C-alpha atoms as a PDB file:
ATOM      1  CA  UNK A   1     191.461 -48.797  91.747  1.00  0.00           C
ATOM      2  CA  UNK A   2     188.087 -49.951  90.080  1.00  0.00           C
ATOM      3  CA  UNK A   3     186.952 -48.325  86.642  1.00  0.00           C
ATOM      4  CA  UNK A   4     183.505 -46.837  86.333  1.00  0.00           C
ATOM      5  CA  UNK A   5     180.451 -49.184  86.168  1.00  0.00           C
ATOM      6  CA  UNK A   6     179.256 -49.846  83.050  1.00  0.00           C
ATOM      7  CA  UNK A   7     175.905 -48.023  82.427  1.00  0.00           C
ATOM      8  CA  UNK A   8     173.012 -50.170  80.796  1.00  0.00           C
ATOM      9  CA  UNK A   9     173.425 -48.195  77.316  1.00  0.00           C
ATOM     10  CA  UNK A  10     177.062 -49.012  77.252  1.00  0.00           C
ATOM     11  CA  UNK A  11     176.321 -52.655  78.020  1.00  0.00           C
ATOM     12  CA  UNK A  12     173.984 -52.820  74.921  1.00  0.00           C
ATOM     13  CA  UNK A  13     176.431 -50.825  72.878  1.00  0.00           C
ATOM     14  CA  UNK A  14     179.165 -53.304  73.852  1.00  0.00           C
ATOM     15  CA  UNK A  15     176.966 -56.438  73.298  1.00  0.00           C
ATOM     16  CA  UNK A  16     175.803 -55.232  69.594  1.00  0.00           C
ATOM     17  CA  UNK A  17     179.139 -54.162  68.476  1.00  0.00           C
ATOM     18  CA  UNK A  18     180.539 -57.750  67.922  1.00  0.00           C
ATOM     19  CA  UNK A  19     177.197 -58.335  66.314  1.00  0.00           C
ATOM     20  CA  UNK A  20     177.427 -55.460  64.162  1.00  0.00           C
ATOM     21  CA  UNK A  21     180.923 -56.207  63.158  1.00  0.00           C
ATOM     22  CA  UNK A  22     179.602 -59.511  61.678  1.00  0.00           C
ATOM     23  CA  UNK A  23     176.636 -58.008  59.689  1.00  0.00           C
ATOM     24  CA  UNK A  24     178.837 -55.544  58.156  1.00  0.00           C
ATOM     25  CA  UNK A  25     180.874 -57.934  55.981  1.00  0.00           C
ATOM     26  CA  UNK A  26     177.540 -59.520  55.249  1.00  0.00           C
ATOM     27  CA  UNK A  27     175.930 -56.354  54.113  1.00  0.00           C
ATOM     28  CA  UNK A  28     179.075 -55.423  52.056  1.00  0.00           C
ATOM     29  CA  UNK A  29     179.382 -59.066  50.390  1.00  0.00           C
ATOM     30  CA  UNK A  30     175.676 -58.783  49.655  1.00  0.00           C
ATOM     31  CA  UNK A  31     175.844 -55.388  47.938  1.00  0.00           C
ATOM     32  CA  UNK A  32     178.759 -56.622  46.266  1.00  0.00           C
ATOM     33  CA  UNK A  33     177.000 -59.648  45.160  1.00  0.00           C
ATOM     34  CA  UNK A  34     174.280 -57.101  43.900  1.00  0.00           C
ATOM     35  CA  UNK A  35     176.362 -55.128  41.737  1.00  0.00           C
ATOM     36  CA  UNK A  36     178.138 -58.104  40.491  1.00  0.00           C
ATOM     37  CA  UNK A  37     174.852 -59.243  39.021  1.00  0.00           C
ATOM     38  CA  UNK A  38     173.757 -55.798  37.931  1.00  0.00           C
ATOM     39  CA  UNK A  39     177.092 -55.329  36.171  1.00  0.00           C
ATOM     40  CA  UNK A  40     176.724 -59.205  34.702  1.00  0.00           C
ATOM     41  CA  UNK A  41     173.389 -58.196  33.365  1.00  0.00           C
ATOM     42  CA  UNK A  42     174.658 -54.852  31.879  1.00  0.00           C
ATOM     43  CA  UNK A  43     177.263 -56.966  30.232  1.00  0.00           C
ATOM     44  CA  UNK A  44     175.080 -59.590  28.829  1.00  0.00           C
ATOM     45  CA  UNK A  45     172.434 -56.723  27.546  1.00  0.00           C
ATOM     46  CA  UNK A  46     175.796 -54.810  25.893  1.00  0.00           C
ATOM     47  CA  UNK A  47     177.020 -58.254  24.322  1.00  0.00           C
ATOM     48  CA  UNK A  48     173.344 -58.860  23.010  1.00  0.00           C
ATOM     49  CA  UNK A  49     173.195 -55.578  21.499  1.00  0.00           C
ATOM     50  CA  UNK A  50     176.690 -56.162  20.103  1.00  0.00           C
ATOM     51  CA  UNK A  51     175.483 -59.301  18.300  1.00  0.00           C
ATOM     52  CA  UNK A  52     172.623 -57.818  16.996  1.00  0.00           C
ATOM     53  CA  UNK A  53     174.458 -54.740  15.483  1.00  0.00           C
ATOM     54  CA  UNK A  54     176.915 -57.314  14.257  1.00  0.00           C
ATOM     55  CA  UNK A  55     174.271 -59.444  12.453  1.00  0.00           C
ATOM     56  CA  UNK A  56     172.830 -56.187  10.902  1.00  0.00           C
ATOM     57  CA  UNK A  57     176.446 -55.229   9.669  1.00  0.00           C
ATOM     58  CA  UNK A  58     176.672 -58.746   7.772  1.00  0.00           C
ATOM     59  CA  UNK A  59     173.512 -58.403   6.541  1.00  0.00           C
ATOM     60  CA  UNK A  60     173.927 -54.861   5.144  1.00  0.00           C
ATOM     61  CA  UNK A  61     177.671 -56.010   4.069  1.00  0.00           C
ATOM     62  CA  UNK A  62     176.025 -58.739   2.259  1.00  0.00           C
ATOM     63  CA  UNK A  63     173.385 -56.492   0.692  1.00  0.00           C
ATOM     64  CA  UNK A  64     175.950 -54.284  -0.719  1.00  0.00           C
ATOM     65  CA  UNK A  65     178.075 -57.029  -2.223  1.00  0.00           C
ATOM     66  CA  UNK A  66     174.811 -58.336  -4.069  1.00  0.00           C
ATOM     67  CA  UNK A  67     174.093 -54.975  -5.234  1.00  0.00           C
ATOM     68  CA  UNK A  68     177.505 -54.295  -6.642  1.00  0.00           C
ATOM     69  CA  UNK A  69     177.508 -57.722  -8.229  1.00  0.00           C
ATOM     70  CA  UNK A  70     174.128 -57.168  -9.911  1.00  0.00           C
ATOM     71  CA  UNK A  71     175.260 -53.724 -11.088  1.00  0.00           C
ATOM     72  CA  UNK A  72     178.400 -55.186 -12.559  1.00  0.00           C
ATOM     73  CA  UNK A  73     176.437 -57.952 -14.458  1.00  0.00           C
ATOM     74  CA  UNK A  74     173.774 -55.275 -15.707  1.00  0.00           C
ATOM     75  CA  UNK A  75     176.808 -53.274 -16.827  1.00  0.00           C
ATOM     76  CA  UNK A  76     178.212 -56.397 -18.646  1.00  0.00           C
ATOM     77  CA  UNK A  77     174.881 -57.058 -20.311  1.00  0.00           C
ATOM     78  CA  UNK A  78     174.468 -53.500 -21.597  1.00  0.00           C
ATOM     79  CA  UNK A  79     177.733 -53.671 -23.144  1.00  0.00           C
ATOM     80  CA  UNK A  80     177.243 -56.917 -24.677  1.00  0.00           C
ATOM     81  CA  UNK A  81     173.699 -56.123 -26.033  1.00  0.00           C
ATOM     82  CA  UNK A  82     174.150 -52.355 -26.522  1.00  0.00           C
ATOM     83  CA  UNK A  83     174.544 -52.688 -30.077  1.00  0.00           C
ATOM     84  CA  UNK A  84     171.631 -54.963 -30.495  1.00  0.00           C
ATOM     85  CA  UNK A  85     168.723 -52.538 -31.428  1.00  0.00           C
ATOM     86  CA  UNK A  86     171.119 -51.069 -34.112  1.00  0.00           C
ATOM     87  CA  UNK A  87     172.220 -54.545 -35.458  1.00  0.00           C
ATOM     88  CA  UNK A  88     168.238 -55.168 -35.870  1.00  0.00           C
ATOM     89  CA  UNK A  89     168.010 -51.827 -38.032  1.00  0.00           C
ATOM     90  CA  UNK A  90     170.861 -52.886 -40.213  1.00  0.00           C
ATOM     91  CA  UNK A  91     169.348 -56.608 -41.045  1.00  0.00           C
ATOM     92  CA  UNK A  92     166.927 -55.480 -43.467  1.00  0.00           C
ATOM     93  CA  UNK A  93     169.770 -53.404 -44.977  1.00  0.00           C
ATOM     94  CA  UNK A  94     171.598 -56.613 -45.561  1.00  0.00           C
ATOM     95  CA  UNK A  95     168.860 -58.680 -46.848  1.00  0.00           C
ATOM     96  CA  UNK A  96     168.254 -55.828 -49.491  1.00  0.00           C
ATOM     97  CA  UNK A  97     171.719 -56.065 -50.627  1.00  0.00           C
ATOM     98  CA  UNK A  98     171.590 -59.669 -50.781  1.00  0.00           C
ATOM     99  CA  UNK A  99     168.544 -59.780 -52.967  1.00  0.00           C
ATOM    100  CA  UNK A 100     170.332 -57.254 -55.110  1.00  0.00           C
ATOM    101  CA  UNK A 101     173.300 -59.398 -55.677  1.00  0.00           C
ATOM    102  CA  UNK A 102     171.159 -62.566 -56.428  1.00  0.00           C
ATOM    103  CA  UNK A 103     169.084 -60.557 -59.035  1.00  0.00           C
ATOM    104  CA  UNK A 104     170.248 -62.065 -62.457  1.00  0.00           C
ATOM    105  CA  UNK A 105     169.482 -59.942 -65.359  1.00  0.00           C
ATOM    106  CA  UNK A 106     168.490 -57.062 -63.750  1.00  0.00           C
ATOM    107  CA  UNK A 107     169.100 -53.731 -65.625  1.00  0.00           C
ATOM    108  CA  UNK A 108     171.198 -51.056 -64.374  1.00  0.00           C
ATOM    109  CA  UNK A 109     168.237 -48.919 -63.608  1.00  0.00           C
ATOM    110  CA  UNK A 110     166.441 -51.713 -61.677  1.00  0.00           C
ATOM    111  CA  UNK A 111     169.694 -52.260 -59.865  1.00  0.00           C
ATOM    112  CA  UNK A 112     169.908 -48.557 -59.430  1.00  0.00           C
ATOM    113  CA  UNK A 113     166.550 -48.344 -57.717  1.00  0.00           C
ATOM    114  CA  UNK A 114     167.179 -50.928 -55.453  1.00  0.00           C
ATOM    115  CA  UNK A 115     170.691 -49.530 -54.184  1.00  0.00           C
ATOM    116  CA  UNK A 116     168.484 -46.232 -53.515  1.00  0.00           C
ATOM    117  CA  UNK A 117     165.961 -48.164 -51.459  1.00  0.00           C
ATOM    118  CA  UNK A 118     168.710 -49.794 -49.584  1.00  0.00           C
ATOM    119  CA  UNK A 119     170.602 -46.334 -49.009  1.00  0.00           C
ATOM    120  CA  UNK A 120     167.194 -44.977 -47.464  1.00  0.00           C
ATOM    121  CA  UNK A 121     166.620 -47.914 -45.516  1.00  0.00           C
ATOM    122  CA  UNK A 122     170.420 -47.236 -44.123  1.00  0.00           C
ATOM    123  CA  UNK A 123     169.772 -43.751 -43.507  1.00  0.00           C
ATOM    124  CA  UNK A 124     166.669 -44.185 -41.547  1.00  0.00           C
ATOM    125  CA  UNK A 125     168.525 -46.990 -39.363  1.00  0.00           C
ATOM    126  CA  UNK A 126     171.180 -44.217 -38.698  1.00  0.00           C
ATOM    127  CA  UNK A 127     168.604 -41.736 -37.927  1.00  0.00           C
ATOM    128  CA  UNK A 128     166.662 -43.842 -35.395  1.00  0.00           C
ATOM    129  CA  UNK A 129     170.204 -44.492 -33.558  1.00  0.00           C
ATOM    130  CA  UNK A 130     171.395 -40.967 -33.619  1.00  0.00           C
ATOM    131  CA  UNK A 131     173.920 -41.838 -36.272  1.00  0.00           C
ATOM    132  CA  UNK A 132     174.649 -38.322 -37.804  1.00  0.00           C
ATOM    133  CA  UNK A 133     176.861 -37.071 -40.823  1.00  0.00           C
ATOM    134  CA  UNK A 134     179.522 -34.412 -40.540  1.00  0.00           C
ATOM    135  CA  UNK A 135     179.549 -32.751 -43.744  1.00  0.00           C
ATOM    136  CA  UNK A 136     181.154 -29.578 -43.060  1.00  0.00           C
ATOM    137  CA  UNK A 137     181.588 -27.914 -46.474  1.00  0.00           C
ATOM    138  CA  UNK A 138     181.648 -23.823 -45.785  1.00  0.00           C
ATOM    139  CA  UNK A 139     182.058 -24.324 -42.115  1.00  0.00           C
ATOM    140  CA  UNK A 140     184.760 -23.038 -40.196  1.00  0.00           C
ATOM    141  CA  UNK A 141     187.407 -25.585 -39.366  1.00  0.00           C
ATOM    142  CA  UNK A 142     186.730 -27.398 -35.916  1.00  0.00           C
ATOM    143  CA  UNK A 143     189.516 -29.653 -34.853  1.00  0.00           C
ATOM    144  CA  UNK A 144     187.251 -31.870 -32.778  1.00  0.00           C
ATOM    145  CA  UNK A 145     185.011 -32.607 -35.573  1.00  0.00           C
ATOM    146  CA  UNK A 146     187.269 -32.323 -38.749  1.00  0.00           C
ATOM    147  CA  UNK A 147     190.735 -33.576 -39.562  1.00  0.00           C
ATOM    148  CA  UNK A 148     192.630 -31.119 -42.231  1.00  0.00           C
ATOM    149  CA  UNK A 149     194.238 -33.269 -44.720  1.00  0.00           C
ATOM    150  CA  UNK A 150     195.502 -30.163 -46.769  1.00  0.00           C
ATOM    151  CA  UNK A 151     195.471 -26.193 -46.843  1.00  0.00           C
ATOM    152  CA  UNK A 152     194.313 -24.643 -50.113  1.00  0.00           C
ATOM    153  CA  UNK A 153     194.066 -20.929 -51.219  1.00  0.00           C
ATOM    154  CA  UNK A 154     190.465 -20.346 -52.189  1.00  0.00           C
ATOM    155  CA  UNK A 155     188.912 -17.138 -53.336  1.00  0.00           C
ATOM    156  CA  UNK A 156     185.723 -15.940 -51.493  1.00  0.00           C
ATOM    157  CA  UNK A 157     186.173 -18.228 -48.674  1.00  0.00           C
ATOM    158  CA  UNK A 158     186.967 -16.821 -45.362  1.00  0.00           C
ATOM    159  CA  UNK A 159     190.296 -18.025 -43.751  1.00  0.00           C
ATOM    160  CA  UNK A 160     190.172 -21.260 -41.950  1.00  0.00           C
ATOM    161  CA  UNK A 161     187.048 -22.544 -43.314  1.00  0.00           C
ATOM    162  CA  UNK A 162     186.431 -25.989 -44.808  1.00  0.00           C
ATOM    163  CA  UNK A 163     186.871 -25.924 -48.774  1.00  0.00           C
ATOM    164  CA  UNK A 164     186.341 -29.448 -49.570  1.00  0.00           C
ATOM    165  CA  UNK A 165     185.172 -32.257 -47.877  1.00  0.00           C
ATOM    166  CA  UNK A 166     187.099 -35.385 -48.789  1.00  0.00           C
ATOM    167  CA  UNK A 167     185.332 -38.050 -46.476  1.00  0.00           C
ATOM    168  CA  UNK A 168     182.219 -37.274 -44.528  1.00  0.00           C
ATOM    169  CA  UNK A 169     182.681 -37.735 -40.588  1.00  0.00           C
ATOM    170  CA  UNK A 170     180.062 -39.557 -38.458  1.00  0.00           C
ATOM    171  CA  UNK A 171     178.781 -38.348 -35.194  1.00  0.00           C
ATOM    172  CA  UNK A 172     176.702 -40.615 -32.837  1.00  0.00           C
ATOM    173  CA  UNK A 173     174.931 -38.710 -30.038  1.00  0.00           C
ATOM    174  CA  UNK A 174     177.453 -35.907 -29.726  1.00  0.00           C
ATOM    175  CA  UNK A 175     180.458 -37.893 -29.913  1.00  0.00           C
ATOM    176  CA  UNK A 176     182.526 -38.057 -32.836  1.00  0.00           C
ATOM    177  CA  UNK A 177     182.820 -41.365 -34.083  1.00  0.00           C
ATOM    178  CA  UNK A 178     184.846 -40.441 -37.147  1.00  0.00           C
ATOM    179  CA  UNK A 179     186.113 -36.787 -38.045  1.00  0.00           C
ATOM    180  CA  UNK A 180     185.675 -35.367 -41.584  1.00  0.00           C
ATOM    181  CA  UNK A 181     188.533 -35.549 -43.575  1.00  0.00           C
ATOM    182  CA  UNK A 182     188.621 -31.957 -44.920  1.00  0.00           C
ATOM    183  CA  UNK A 183     190.564 -29.307 -46.990  1.00  0.00           C
ATOM    184  CA  UNK A 184     190.773 -25.915 -45.103  1.00  0.00           C
ATOM    185  CA  UNK A 185     191.413 -22.582 -46.811  1.00  0.00           C
ATOM    186  CA  UNK A 186     194.280 -20.534 -46.016  1.00  0.00           C
ATOM    187  CA  UNK A 187     194.437 -17.376 -44.013  1.00  0.00           C
END
């Protein structure tokens, strides 16, 4: 028994089958190569962006380090020269005191006037630099600004108030430099 005769359509399909089988791997390999090229291009682009961002990171890091270093230098200079303007204000006081000691044969009255002028120069320098005396006589005792040396009974003075100031205190810009030494009334 013989099989059916092949039809012309079957013959064409049969002839094309080996050719299609050969083309399929070629198409597959062509599309794989194309995908690989696209992936490589995407990878190269991602690496370029990563390199760019890494460069920006390094620059930002260097800038931050430079800023930190400059700030430290400025702080060091500020500490070193913070007293410079105050020292400039005290130099004339020193000059006046030296002139007073150089004066030979000056009368007590002349020396007194010179000391008063020098004291005015010193007070002026203190005022310009916000150095203020704490002289709390009659005020309520404040342990942040005063140091009680003794307690005394005093008539007419409310309890826990300053009766006498043994030594003035000093403040510089709202900060106590030295508390006032005081005697406080008993309660």
